[in-house]
Amino acid sequence: MKLWFKQNLRYIIPGLLLFVVFIFAVSKTATKEEKNTLPVELSGEKTISNKSKANASSLHGKNGKEIMVDVKGAVVHPGVYKMSAGDRTIHAIHQAGGFLKEADERAVNLAAVLQDEMVIYVPKKGEVQHSTPSEPDATRANESQSAKINVNIATAEELQKITGIGPAKAAAIISYREENGPFQKVEDLLNVTGIGEKSLEKMKDEITIN
């Protein structure tokens, strides 16, 4: 056996070297394949994650309290629409298909916060607004509240007409309703920075939330 090994040693050593090179080449190829496969798997995980984020984003803002508003006048599809508390007039107009060409857009406060059972009327250009037989209740409500300031839709300038409300408190009221939605009751104003019970008592007869 030893004699055979010595006689064939010059063939055995090159054979072993070739075998080692072959094993090394196979191992290196397998490593490359694993590296090439890994990013694909990670990419798939990233795609799924992005889709989940997109779905969550599309549901954002749909969990608020539902309200109903009536959109009338110069819009593409007048009617009653289901909205979310905190939505603005511009959102309701969009739901109704947008303005008609003859609509007087300047007559509508698009930034106003929507209220449940609210009527949004879009007049035509040059139209003289007047009450209609179909809206007697809304007309009477508007007349009874005409002397009061609606703290849910009033501008900073309008809020400053209220007793005890200056620029800082007006800004605080607007900031609060933008972050928390419309005031549900007059007493909610106590949650606004700078407004206490004495201040609220002085302004109670001058304000409304409807």
N, C-alpha and C. Protein backbone atom coordinates (compact mmCIF):
# COMPACT_ATOMS: atom_id res chain seq x y z
N MET A 1 0.83 -1.20 0.00
CA MET A 1 0.00 0.00 0.00
C MET A 1 0.86 1.25 0.00
N LYS A 2 1.91 1.25 0.91
CA LYS A 2 2.79 2.41 0.98
C LYS A 2 3.54 2.57 -0.32
N LEU A 3 3.93 1.46 -0.91
CA LEU A 3 4.66 1.52 -2.17
C LEU A 3 3.78 2.12 -3.26
N TRP A 4 2.51 1.73 -3.25
CA TRP A 4 1.56 2.28 -4.27
C TRP A 4 1.35 3.77 -4.06
N PHE A 5 1.26 4.16 -2.78
CA PHE A 5 1.04 5.58 -2.45
C PHE A 5 2.21 6.42 -2.91
N LYS A 6 3.44 5.91 -2.68
CA LYS A 6 4.63 6.66 -3.10
C LYS A 6 4.71 6.76 -4.61
N GLN A 7 4.33 5.64 -5.28
CA GLN A 7 4.41 5.64 -6.74
C GLN A 7 3.40 6.61 -7.37
N ASN A 8 2.24 6.79 -6.72
CA ASN A 8 1.18 7.63 -7.29
C ASN A 8 1.03 9.00 -6.60
N LEU A 9 2.00 9.35 -5.74
CA LEU A 9 1.94 10.60 -4.99
C LEU A 9 1.85 11.82 -5.91
N ARG A 10 2.56 11.75 -7.02
CA ARG A 10 2.55 12.92 -7.93
C ARG A 10 1.18 13.12 -8.57
N TYR A 11 0.33 12.09 -8.56
CA TYR A 11 -1.05 12.24 -9.09
C TYR A 11 -2.05 12.60 -7.98
N ILE A 12 -1.76 12.07 -6.77
CA ILE A 12 -2.70 12.28 -5.66
C ILE A 12 -2.74 13.74 -5.22
N ILE A 13 -1.55 14.38 -5.08
CA ILE A 13 -1.49 15.77 -4.58
C ILE A 13 -2.23 16.73 -5.52
N PRO A 14 -1.98 16.67 -6.85
CA PRO A 14 -2.75 17.56 -7.74
C PRO A 14 -4.26 17.30 -7.65
N GLY A 15 -4.64 16.03 -7.48
CA GLY A 15 -6.07 15.71 -7.37
C GLY A 15 -6.70 16.32 -6.14
N LEU A 16 -5.99 16.28 -5.02
CA LEU A 16 -6.50 16.88 -3.78
C LEU A 16 -6.65 18.39 -3.94
N LEU A 17 -5.65 18.99 -4.60
CA LEU A 17 -5.71 20.45 -4.81
C LEU A 17 -6.92 20.82 -5.66
N LEU A 18 -7.18 20.04 -6.70
CA LEU A 18 -8.35 20.31 -7.55
C LEU A 18 -9.65 20.15 -6.77
N PHE A 19 -9.68 19.13 -5.90
CA PHE A 19 -10.89 18.90 -5.09
C PHE A 19 -11.15 20.09 -4.15
N VAL A 20 -10.07 20.60 -3.51
CA VAL A 20 -10.21 21.75 -2.59
C VAL A 20 -10.70 22.98 -3.34
N VAL A 21 -10.12 23.19 -4.54
CA VAL A 21 -10.55 24.35 -5.36
C VAL A 21 -12.01 24.22 -5.74
N PHE A 22 -12.44 23.00 -6.09
CA PHE A 22 -13.83 22.77 -6.47
C PHE A 22 -14.78 23.07 -5.30
N ILE A 23 -14.45 22.60 -4.10
CA ILE A 23 -15.28 22.84 -2.91
C ILE A 23 -15.37 24.33 -2.63
N PHE A 24 -14.26 25.04 -2.74
CA PHE A 24 -14.23 26.48 -2.49
C PHE A 24 -15.11 27.22 -3.49
N ALA A 25 -15.04 26.80 -4.76
CA ALA A 25 -15.84 27.47 -5.80
C ALA A 25 -17.33 27.25 -5.56
N VAL A 26 -17.71 26.03 -5.19
CA VAL A 26 -19.13 25.72 -4.93
C VAL A 26 -19.64 26.54 -3.74
N SER A 27 -18.84 26.64 -2.68
CA SER A 27 -19.23 27.39 -1.48
C SER A 27 -19.41 28.86 -1.79
N LYS A 28 -18.52 29.43 -2.59
CA LYS A 28 -18.59 30.85 -2.95
C LYS A 28 -19.83 31.14 -3.79
N THR A 29 -20.16 30.23 -4.70
CA THR A 29 -21.35 30.41 -5.55
C THR A 29 -22.62 30.40 -4.71
N ALA A 30 -22.70 29.49 -3.72
CA ALA A 30 -23.88 29.40 -2.85
C ALA A 30 -24.04 30.67 -2.03
N THR A 31 -22.92 31.24 -1.57
CA THR A 31 -22.97 32.48 -0.78
C THR A 31 -23.51 33.62 -1.62
N LYS A 32 -23.08 33.73 -2.87
CA LYS A 32 -23.57 34.78 -3.77
C LYS A 32 -25.07 34.66 -3.99
N GLU A 33 -25.56 33.41 -4.16
CA GLU A 33 -26.99 33.20 -4.39
C GLU A 33 -27.80 33.65 -3.18
N GLU A 34 -27.29 33.38 -1.97
CA GLU A 34 -28.00 33.81 -0.76
C GLU A 34 -28.05 35.32 -0.67
N LYS A 35 -26.94 35.97 -1.03
CA LYS A 35 -26.90 37.43 -0.99
C LYS A 35 -27.87 38.04 -1.99
N ASN A 36 -27.95 37.42 -3.16
CA ASN A 36 -28.85 37.93 -4.21
C ASN A 36 -30.31 37.73 -3.84
N THR A 37 -30.58 36.68 -3.07
CA THR A 37 -31.97 36.38 -2.69
C THR A 37 -32.45 37.26 -1.55
N LEU A 38 -31.57 37.60 -0.62
CA LEU A 38 -31.95 38.33 0.59
C LEU A 38 -32.60 39.67 0.31
N PRO A 39 -32.03 40.54 -0.54
CA PRO A 39 -32.68 41.83 -0.79
C PRO A 39 -34.08 41.71 -1.35
N VAL A 40 -34.33 40.66 -2.14
CA VAL A 40 -35.66 40.48 -2.71
C VAL A 40 -36.67 40.24 -1.61
N GLU A 41 -36.28 39.40 -0.63
CA GLU A 41 -37.19 39.12 0.48
C GLU A 41 -37.43 40.35 1.31
N LEU A 42 -36.35 41.10 1.58
CA LEU A 42 -36.49 42.32 2.36
C LEU A 42 -37.33 43.34 1.62
N SER A 43 -37.15 43.36 0.30
CA SER A 43 -37.93 44.29 -0.51
C SER A 43 -39.41 43.98 -0.41
N GLY A 44 -39.75 42.70 -0.40
CA GLY A 44 -41.14 42.31 -0.28
C GLY A 44 -41.72 42.74 1.06
N GLU A 45 -40.90 42.59 2.14
CA GLU A 45 -41.37 43.02 3.45
C GLU A 45 -41.60 44.51 3.49
N LYS A 46 -40.70 45.29 2.83
CA LYS A 46 -40.84 46.75 2.80
C LYS A 46 -42.09 47.15 2.06
N THR A 47 -42.41 46.45 0.96
CA THR A 47 -43.60 46.76 0.19
C THR A 47 -44.86 46.54 1.01
N ILE A 48 -44.90 45.43 1.72
CA ILE A 48 -46.05 45.14 2.57
C ILE A 48 -46.20 46.20 3.63
N SER A 49 -45.08 46.63 4.23
CA SER A 49 -45.12 47.66 5.26
C SER A 49 -45.68 48.96 4.72
N ASN A 50 -45.24 49.34 3.51
CA ASN A 50 -45.72 50.58 2.90
C ASN A 50 -47.21 50.51 2.60
N LYS A 51 -47.68 49.33 2.16
CA LYS A 51 -49.11 49.18 1.88
C LYS A 51 -49.92 49.32 3.15
N SER A 52 -49.40 48.76 4.25
CA SER A 52 -50.11 48.87 5.52
C SER A 52 -50.22 50.31 5.95
N LYS A 53 -49.12 51.08 5.75
CA LYS A 53 -49.14 52.49 6.12
C LYS A 53 -50.14 53.24 5.26
N ALA A 54 -50.20 52.88 3.98
CA ALA A 54 -51.13 53.55 3.08
C ALA A 54 -52.57 53.30 3.48
N ASN A 55 -52.87 52.04 3.88
CA ASN A 55 -54.22 51.71 4.31
C ASN A 55 -54.59 52.46 5.58
N ALA A 56 -53.64 52.57 6.50
CA ALA A 56 -53.91 53.30 7.74
C ALA A 56 -54.17 54.76 7.45
N SER A 57 -53.39 55.33 6.50
CA SER A 57 -53.56 56.73 6.14
C SER A 57 -54.92 56.97 5.51
N SER A 58 -55.40 56.02 4.68
CA SER A 58 -56.68 56.21 4.00
C SER A 58 -57.84 56.16 4.98
N LEU A 59 -57.66 55.51 6.15
CA LEU A 59 -58.73 55.42 7.14
C LEU A 59 -58.70 56.60 8.10
N HIS A 60 -57.62 57.39 8.05
CA HIS A 60 -57.48 58.51 8.98
C HIS A 60 -58.59 59.52 8.78
N GLY A 61 -59.20 59.97 9.86
CA GLY A 61 -60.24 60.99 9.79
C GLY A 61 -61.64 60.44 9.58
N LYS A 62 -61.79 59.09 9.46
CA LYS A 62 -63.11 58.50 9.22
C LYS A 62 -63.72 57.91 10.50
N ASN A 63 -63.04 58.12 11.62
CA ASN A 63 -63.55 57.54 12.85
C ASN A 63 -64.24 58.57 13.74
N GLY A 64 -64.40 59.81 13.23
CA GLY A 64 -65.03 60.85 14.02
C GLY A 64 -66.55 60.71 14.04
N LYS A 65 -67.21 61.59 14.82
CA LYS A 65 -68.66 61.57 14.92
C LYS A 65 -69.29 61.95 13.59
N GLU A 66 -70.30 61.20 13.16
CA GLU A 66 -70.95 61.48 11.88
C GLU A 66 -72.02 62.55 12.05
N ILE A 67 -72.09 63.46 11.09
CA ILE A 67 -73.11 64.51 11.08
C ILE A 67 -73.73 64.55 9.69
N MET A 68 -74.89 65.18 9.57
CA MET A 68 -75.57 65.31 8.29
C MET A 68 -75.73 66.78 7.95
N VAL A 69 -75.39 67.14 6.71
CA VAL A 69 -75.54 68.53 6.27
C VAL A 69 -76.30 68.55 4.95
N ASP A 70 -77.04 69.64 4.72
CA ASP A 70 -77.85 69.80 3.52
C ASP A 70 -77.20 70.86 2.63
N VAL A 71 -76.74 70.44 1.46
CA VAL A 71 -76.07 71.36 0.54
C VAL A 71 -77.05 71.74 -0.57
N LYS A 72 -77.32 73.04 -0.71
CA LYS A 72 -78.31 73.52 -1.68
C LYS A 72 -77.70 74.57 -2.60
N GLY A 73 -78.45 74.91 -3.64
CA GLY A 73 -78.06 76.02 -4.51
C GLY A 73 -77.18 75.60 -5.67
N ALA A 74 -76.22 76.45 -6.01
CA ALA A 74 -75.43 76.31 -7.23
C ALA A 74 -74.26 75.34 -7.06
N VAL A 75 -74.59 74.06 -6.80
CA VAL A 75 -73.59 73.00 -6.76
C VAL A 75 -74.02 71.92 -7.75
N VAL A 76 -73.08 71.05 -8.11
CA VAL A 76 -73.37 70.04 -9.13
C VAL A 76 -74.44 69.05 -8.65
N HIS A 77 -74.35 68.59 -7.41
CA HIS A 77 -75.30 67.60 -6.90
C HIS A 77 -75.85 68.04 -5.54
N PRO A 78 -76.85 68.90 -5.50
CA PRO A 78 -77.44 69.30 -4.22
C PRO A 78 -78.01 68.09 -3.50
N GLY A 79 -77.97 68.11 -2.18
CA GLY A 79 -78.53 66.99 -1.42
C GLY A 79 -78.00 66.96 0.00
N VAL A 80 -78.42 65.92 0.73
CA VAL A 80 -78.00 65.73 2.11
C VAL A 80 -76.80 64.79 2.13
N TYR A 81 -75.74 65.18 2.83
CA TYR A 81 -74.52 64.40 2.83
C TYR A 81 -74.07 64.07 4.25
N LYS A 82 -73.50 62.86 4.39
CA LYS A 82 -72.96 62.42 5.67
C LYS A 82 -71.50 62.88 5.75
N MET A 83 -71.16 63.62 6.79
CA MET A 83 -69.82 64.15 6.97
C MET A 83 -69.30 63.74 8.35
N SER A 84 -68.08 64.17 8.67
CA SER A 84 -67.50 63.89 9.98
C SER A 84 -67.37 65.18 10.77
N ALA A 85 -67.55 65.09 12.08
CA ALA A 85 -67.39 66.27 12.94
C ALA A 85 -65.99 66.85 12.74
N GLY A 86 -65.92 68.15 12.56
CA GLY A 86 -64.63 68.80 12.32
C GLY A 86 -64.39 69.11 10.86
N ASP A 87 -65.18 68.52 9.96
CA ASP A 87 -65.06 68.85 8.53
C ASP A 87 -65.47 70.30 8.29
N ARG A 88 -65.02 70.85 7.16
CA ARG A 88 -65.31 72.24 6.82
C ARG A 88 -66.31 72.31 5.66
N THR A 89 -66.81 73.51 5.44
CA THR A 89 -67.77 73.71 4.35
C THR A 89 -67.19 73.26 3.01
N ILE A 90 -65.90 73.50 2.81
CA ILE A 90 -65.27 73.13 1.54
C ILE A 90 -65.36 71.62 1.30
N HIS A 91 -65.33 70.82 2.37
CA HIS A 91 -65.44 69.37 2.23
C HIS A 91 -66.84 68.98 1.76
N ALA A 92 -67.86 69.67 2.31
CA ALA A 92 -69.24 69.38 1.91
C ALA A 92 -69.48 69.78 0.46
N ILE A 93 -68.91 70.93 0.05
CA ILE A 93 -69.05 71.37 -1.35
C ILE A 93 -68.41 70.35 -2.28
N HIS A 94 -67.27 69.82 -1.87
CA HIS A 94 -66.58 68.80 -2.68
C HIS A 94 -67.44 67.55 -2.81
N GLN A 95 -68.08 67.13 -1.70
CA GLN A 95 -68.96 65.97 -1.73
C GLN A 95 -70.12 66.18 -2.69
N ALA A 96 -70.57 67.43 -2.80
CA ALA A 96 -71.69 67.75 -3.68
C ALA A 96 -71.26 67.98 -5.12
N GLY A 97 -70.03 67.66 -5.43
CA GLY A 97 -69.55 67.75 -6.81
C GLY A 97 -68.90 69.06 -7.18
N GLY A 98 -68.85 70.02 -6.24
CA GLY A 98 -68.21 71.29 -6.51
C GLY A 98 -69.21 72.36 -6.97
N PHE A 99 -68.70 73.56 -7.19
CA PHE A 99 -69.54 74.68 -7.61
C PHE A 99 -69.92 74.59 -9.09
N LEU A 100 -71.10 75.13 -9.42
CA LEU A 100 -71.46 75.35 -10.81
C LEU A 100 -70.73 76.61 -11.29
N LYS A 101 -70.65 76.80 -12.60
CA LYS A 101 -69.95 77.96 -13.15
C LYS A 101 -70.57 79.27 -12.68
N GLU A 102 -71.89 79.27 -12.52
CA GLU A 102 -72.58 80.51 -12.13
C GLU A 102 -72.62 80.74 -10.62
N ALA A 103 -71.97 79.87 -9.82
CA ALA A 103 -72.01 80.00 -8.37
C ALA A 103 -71.21 81.21 -7.90
N ASP A 104 -71.74 81.88 -6.89
CA ASP A 104 -71.02 83.00 -6.27
C ASP A 104 -70.21 82.44 -5.10
N GLU A 105 -68.99 82.00 -5.38
CA GLU A 105 -68.15 81.34 -4.38
C GLU A 105 -67.80 82.27 -3.21
N ARG A 106 -67.74 83.56 -3.49
CA ARG A 106 -67.36 84.52 -2.45
C ARG A 106 -68.42 84.65 -1.35
N ALA A 107 -69.63 84.20 -1.64
CA ALA A 107 -70.71 84.32 -0.66
C ALA A 107 -70.71 83.19 0.36
N VAL A 108 -69.80 82.24 0.20
CA VAL A 108 -69.77 81.08 1.09
C VAL A 108 -68.46 81.04 1.86
N ASN A 109 -68.55 80.85 3.16
CA ASN A 109 -67.36 80.71 4.01
C ASN A 109 -66.89 79.26 3.95
N LEU A 110 -65.91 78.99 3.11
CA LEU A 110 -65.44 77.61 2.91
C LEU A 110 -64.69 77.05 4.11
N ALA A 111 -64.24 77.92 5.00
CA ALA A 111 -63.48 77.45 6.17
C ALA A 111 -64.35 77.17 7.37
N ALA A 112 -65.66 77.43 7.26
CA ALA A 112 -66.56 77.24 8.40
C ALA A 112 -66.63 75.76 8.81
N VAL A 113 -66.62 75.51 10.12
CA VAL A 113 -66.74 74.14 10.64
C VAL A 113 -68.19 73.68 10.53
N LEU A 114 -68.40 72.48 10.00
CA LEU A 114 -69.75 71.96 9.80
C LEU A 114 -70.43 71.59 11.12
N GLN A 115 -71.75 71.79 11.16
CA GLN A 115 -72.57 71.41 12.31
C GLN A 115 -73.64 70.42 11.84
N ASP A 116 -74.06 69.55 12.74
CA ASP A 116 -75.12 68.60 12.40
C ASP A 116 -76.41 69.36 12.04
N GLU A 117 -77.09 68.94 10.97
CA GLU A 117 -78.33 69.53 10.46
C GLU A 117 -78.10 70.91 9.82
N MET A 118 -76.86 71.23 9.53
CA MET A 118 -76.53 72.53 8.95
C MET A 118 -76.97 72.60 7.49
N VAL A 119 -77.45 73.79 7.06
CA VAL A 119 -77.81 74.03 5.67
C VAL A 119 -76.76 74.93 5.03
N ILE A 120 -76.18 74.46 3.93
CA ILE A 120 -75.21 75.25 3.18
C ILE A 120 -75.86 75.66 1.87
N TYR A 121 -76.09 76.96 1.71
CA TYR A 121 -76.73 77.44 0.48
C TYR A 121 -75.72 78.23 -0.33
N VAL A 122 -75.52 77.82 -1.59
CA VAL A 122 -74.60 78.50 -2.50
C VAL A 122 -75.42 79.31 -3.50
N PRO A 123 -75.40 80.63 -3.41
CA PRO A 123 -76.19 81.45 -4.34
C PRO A 123 -75.50 81.58 -5.70
N LYS A 124 -76.27 81.97 -6.70
CA LYS A 124 -75.69 82.26 -8.02
C LYS A 124 -75.21 83.70 -8.03
N LYS A 125 -74.32 84.02 -8.94
CA LYS A 125 -73.79 85.38 -9.04
C LYS A 125 -74.93 86.36 -9.30
N GLY A 126 -74.99 87.42 -8.50
CA GLY A 126 -76.03 88.43 -8.66
C GLY A 126 -77.33 88.09 -7.97
N GLU A 127 -77.42 86.91 -7.37
CA GLU A 127 -78.66 86.49 -6.71
C GLU A 127 -78.84 87.21 -5.38
N VAL A 128 -80.06 87.68 -5.14
CA VAL A 128 -80.39 88.29 -3.86
C VAL A 128 -80.89 87.18 -2.95
N GLN A 129 -80.16 86.95 -1.87
CA GLN A 129 -80.52 85.84 -0.98
C GLN A 129 -81.77 86.17 -0.17
N HIS A 130 -82.65 85.23 -0.08
CA HIS A 130 -83.86 85.38 0.71
C HIS A 130 -84.31 84.01 1.19
N SER A 131 -85.14 83.97 2.21
CA SER A 131 -85.59 82.69 2.75
C SER A 131 -86.55 82.03 1.78
N THR A 132 -86.57 80.70 1.81
CA THR A 132 -87.45 79.94 0.93
C THR A 132 -88.44 79.17 1.77
N PRO A 133 -89.62 78.82 1.21
CA PRO A 133 -90.64 78.08 1.98
C PRO A 133 -90.12 76.77 2.53
N SER A 134 -89.10 76.19 1.89
CA SER A 134 -88.61 74.88 2.33
C SER A 134 -87.70 74.99 3.54
N GLU A 135 -87.37 76.22 3.97
CA GLU A 135 -86.44 76.38 5.07
C GLU A 135 -86.98 77.27 6.19
N PRO A 136 -88.23 77.13 6.59
CA PRO A 136 -88.77 78.03 7.62
C PRO A 136 -88.06 77.88 8.96
N ASP A 137 -87.74 76.66 9.35
CA ASP A 137 -87.11 76.44 10.64
C ASP A 137 -85.71 77.04 10.67
N ALA A 138 -84.95 76.84 9.59
CA ALA A 138 -83.60 77.38 9.51
C ALA A 138 -83.63 78.90 9.54
N THR A 139 -84.63 79.48 8.85
CA THR A 139 -84.74 80.94 8.80
C THR A 139 -85.02 81.51 10.18
N ARG A 140 -85.94 80.90 10.92
CA ARG A 140 -86.26 81.38 12.25
C ARG A 140 -85.06 81.24 13.18
N ALA A 141 -84.34 80.13 13.03
CA ALA A 141 -83.16 79.91 13.88
C ALA A 141 -82.10 80.97 13.60
N ASN A 142 -81.91 81.29 12.30
CA ASN A 142 -80.91 82.30 11.95
C ASN A 142 -81.29 83.66 12.49
N GLU A 143 -82.60 83.99 12.44
CA GLU A 143 -83.05 85.29 12.93
C GLU A 143 -82.86 85.41 14.44
N SER A 144 -83.14 84.31 15.16
CA SER A 144 -83.03 84.35 16.62
C SER A 144 -81.59 84.42 17.08
N GLN A 145 -80.66 83.95 16.22
CA GLN A 145 -79.25 83.92 16.60
C GLN A 145 -78.45 85.03 15.94
N SER A 146 -79.13 85.91 15.18
CA SER A 146 -78.42 86.91 14.38
C SER A 146 -77.57 87.85 15.22
N ALA A 147 -78.00 88.10 16.48
CA ALA A 147 -77.27 89.04 17.33
C ALA A 147 -76.12 88.36 18.06
N LYS A 148 -76.03 87.04 17.99
CA LYS A 148 -74.99 86.31 18.70
C LYS A 148 -73.87 85.88 17.75
N ILE A 149 -72.70 85.64 18.32
CA ILE A 149 -71.53 85.22 17.54
C ILE A 149 -71.31 83.73 17.74
N ASN A 150 -71.25 83.00 16.64
CA ASN A 150 -71.04 81.55 16.69
C ASN A 150 -69.55 81.29 16.86
N VAL A 151 -69.17 80.82 18.04
CA VAL A 151 -67.74 80.61 18.33
C VAL A 151 -67.15 79.44 17.54
N ASN A 152 -67.99 78.66 16.89
CA ASN A 152 -67.47 77.53 16.10
C ASN A 152 -67.07 77.93 14.68
N ILE A 153 -67.57 79.07 14.20
CA ILE A 153 -67.27 79.47 12.82
C ILE A 153 -66.75 80.90 12.72
N ALA A 154 -66.78 81.65 13.82
CA ALA A 154 -66.38 83.05 13.78
C ALA A 154 -64.89 83.21 13.49
N THR A 155 -64.56 84.29 12.78
CA THR A 155 -63.16 84.62 12.52
C THR A 155 -62.56 85.27 13.75
N ALA A 156 -61.24 85.50 13.72
CA ALA A 156 -60.58 86.14 14.86
C ALA A 156 -61.15 87.53 15.10
N GLU A 157 -61.43 88.26 14.03
CA GLU A 157 -61.99 89.61 14.15
C GLU A 157 -63.37 89.58 14.78
N GLU A 158 -64.20 88.61 14.37
CA GLU A 158 -65.55 88.50 14.92
C GLU A 158 -65.51 88.10 16.39
N LEU A 159 -64.59 87.21 16.76
CA LEU A 159 -64.49 86.77 18.15
C LEU A 159 -64.11 87.92 19.07
N GLN A 160 -63.34 88.87 18.56
CA GLN A 160 -62.90 89.99 19.38
C GLN A 160 -64.03 90.98 19.68
N LYS A 161 -65.19 90.79 19.06
CA LYS A 161 -66.35 91.63 19.37
C LYS A 161 -67.05 91.16 20.64
N ILE A 162 -66.67 89.95 21.10
CA ILE A 162 -67.25 89.39 22.32
C ILE A 162 -66.60 90.05 23.53
N THR A 163 -67.38 90.34 24.55
CA THR A 163 -66.87 90.96 25.77
C THR A 163 -65.74 90.14 26.39
N GLY A 164 -64.60 90.77 26.61
CA GLY A 164 -63.48 90.11 27.26
C GLY A 164 -62.57 89.31 26.35
N ILE A 165 -62.87 89.29 25.04
CA ILE A 165 -62.04 88.52 24.10
C ILE A 165 -61.15 89.46 23.29
N GLY A 166 -59.85 89.31 23.49
CA GLY A 166 -58.87 90.08 22.72
C GLY A 166 -58.20 89.19 21.70
N PRO A 167 -57.17 89.69 21.02
CA PRO A 167 -56.48 88.91 19.98
C PRO A 167 -55.95 87.56 20.49
N ALA A 168 -55.37 87.55 21.70
CA ALA A 168 -54.78 86.31 22.22
C ALA A 168 -55.85 85.25 22.49
N LYS A 169 -56.94 85.64 23.13
CA LYS A 169 -58.01 84.68 23.44
C LYS A 169 -58.73 84.23 22.16
N ALA A 170 -58.87 85.15 21.20
CA ALA A 170 -59.49 84.77 19.92
C ALA A 170 -58.66 83.71 19.22
N ALA A 171 -57.33 83.90 19.24
CA ALA A 171 -56.42 82.92 18.62
C ALA A 171 -56.50 81.59 19.36
N ALA A 172 -56.64 81.65 20.70
CA ALA A 172 -56.72 80.42 21.50
C ALA A 172 -58.00 79.65 21.20
N ILE A 173 -59.11 80.38 20.99
CA ILE A 173 -60.39 79.72 20.65
C ILE A 173 -60.29 79.02 19.31
N ILE A 174 -59.71 79.70 18.32
CA ILE A 174 -59.58 79.10 16.98
C ILE A 174 -58.65 77.90 17.02
N SER A 175 -57.56 78.01 17.76
CA SER A 175 -56.60 76.91 17.88
C SER A 175 -57.26 75.70 18.54
N TYR A 176 -58.07 75.94 19.58
CA TYR A 176 -58.73 74.83 20.29
C TYR A 176 -59.70 74.09 19.37
N ARG A 177 -60.54 74.83 18.63
CA ARG A 177 -61.54 74.15 17.81
C ARG A 177 -60.91 73.45 16.61
N GLU A 178 -59.75 73.93 16.15
CA GLU A 178 -59.06 73.25 15.06
C GLU A 178 -58.45 71.93 15.52
N GLU A 179 -58.01 71.89 16.77
CA GLU A 179 -57.38 70.68 17.31
C GLU A 179 -58.39 69.68 17.86
N ASN A 180 -59.51 70.20 18.41
CA ASN A 180 -60.47 69.32 19.09
C ASN A 180 -61.83 69.24 18.42
N GLY A 181 -62.03 69.97 17.32
CA GLY A 181 -63.33 69.97 16.68
C GLY A 181 -64.23 71.04 17.28
N PRO A 182 -65.45 71.19 16.79
CA PRO A 182 -66.35 72.25 17.26
C PRO A 182 -66.74 72.08 18.73
N PHE A 183 -67.04 73.21 19.36
CA PHE A 183 -67.53 73.19 20.74
C PHE A 183 -68.90 72.53 20.77
N GLN A 184 -69.09 71.58 21.67
CA GLN A 184 -70.37 70.88 21.79
C GLN A 184 -71.33 71.62 22.70
N LYS A 185 -70.79 72.39 23.64
CA LYS A 185 -71.61 73.21 24.54
C LYS A 185 -70.81 74.45 24.92
N VAL A 186 -71.52 75.49 25.33
CA VAL A 186 -70.86 76.76 25.65
C VAL A 186 -69.81 76.56 26.74
N GLU A 187 -70.08 75.68 27.70
CA GLU A 187 -69.16 75.46 28.82
C GLU A 187 -67.81 74.91 28.36
N ASP A 188 -67.74 74.36 27.13
CA ASP A 188 -66.46 73.84 26.62
C ASP A 188 -65.43 74.94 26.46
N LEU A 189 -65.88 76.19 26.42
CA LEU A 189 -64.95 77.32 26.31
C LEU A 189 -64.04 77.42 27.53
N LEU A 190 -64.45 76.81 28.64
CA LEU A 190 -63.61 76.81 29.83
C LEU A 190 -62.32 76.03 29.62
N ASN A 191 -62.29 75.20 28.58
CA ASN A 191 -61.09 74.43 28.26
C ASN A 191 -60.07 75.26 27.48
N VAL A 192 -60.49 76.44 27.04
CA VAL A 192 -59.60 77.31 26.27
C VAL A 192 -58.72 78.12 27.22
N THR A 193 -57.43 78.17 26.91
CA THR A 193 -56.49 78.92 27.74
C THR A 193 -56.91 80.38 27.87
N GLY A 194 -56.99 80.86 29.10
CA GLY A 194 -57.30 82.27 29.33
C GLY A 194 -58.77 82.55 29.61
N ILE A 195 -59.63 81.55 29.46
CA ILE A 195 -61.06 81.75 29.71
C ILE A 195 -61.48 80.99 30.96
N GLY A 196 -61.95 81.77 31.96
CA GLY A 196 -62.41 81.18 33.21
C GLY A 196 -63.91 81.33 33.35
N GLU A 197 -64.42 80.95 34.51
CA GLU A 197 -65.87 81.00 34.73
C GLU A 197 -66.41 82.42 34.71
N LYS A 198 -65.66 83.37 35.25
CA LYS A 198 -66.10 84.77 35.25
C LYS A 198 -66.15 85.33 33.83
N SER A 199 -65.13 84.99 33.04
CA SER A 199 -65.10 85.46 31.65
C SER A 199 -66.27 84.87 30.85
N LEU A 200 -66.53 83.58 31.08
CA LEU A 200 -67.61 82.91 30.36
C LEU A 200 -68.96 83.51 30.73
N GLU A 201 -69.13 83.84 32.00
CA GLU A 201 -70.40 84.41 32.46
C GLU A 201 -70.69 85.74 31.77
N LYS A 202 -69.64 86.53 31.53
CA LYS A 202 -69.80 87.84 30.89
C LYS A 202 -70.18 87.72 29.41
N MET A 203 -69.70 86.66 28.77
CA MET A 203 -69.91 86.54 27.33
C MET A 203 -71.05 85.61 26.93
N LYS A 204 -71.65 84.93 27.90
CA LYS A 204 -72.65 83.90 27.61
C LYS A 204 -73.80 84.40 26.72
N ASP A 205 -74.26 85.61 26.98
CA ASP A 205 -75.41 86.13 26.24
C ASP A 205 -75.03 86.61 24.84
N GLU A 206 -73.74 86.62 24.53
CA GLU A 206 -73.28 87.14 23.24
C GLU A 206 -72.86 86.04 22.28
N ILE A 207 -72.83 84.80 22.75
CA ILE A 207 -72.28 83.74 21.92
C ILE A 207 -73.26 82.58 21.73
N THR A 208 -72.97 81.77 20.74
CA THR A 208 -73.74 80.56 20.46
C THR A 208 -72.82 79.53 19.83
N ILE A 209 -73.19 78.27 19.88
CA ILE A 209 -72.38 77.22 19.24
C ILE A 209 -73.09 76.63 18.03
N ASN A 210 -74.32 77.11 17.74
CA ASN A 210 -75.12 76.58 16.63
C ASN A 210 -75.18 77.57 15.48
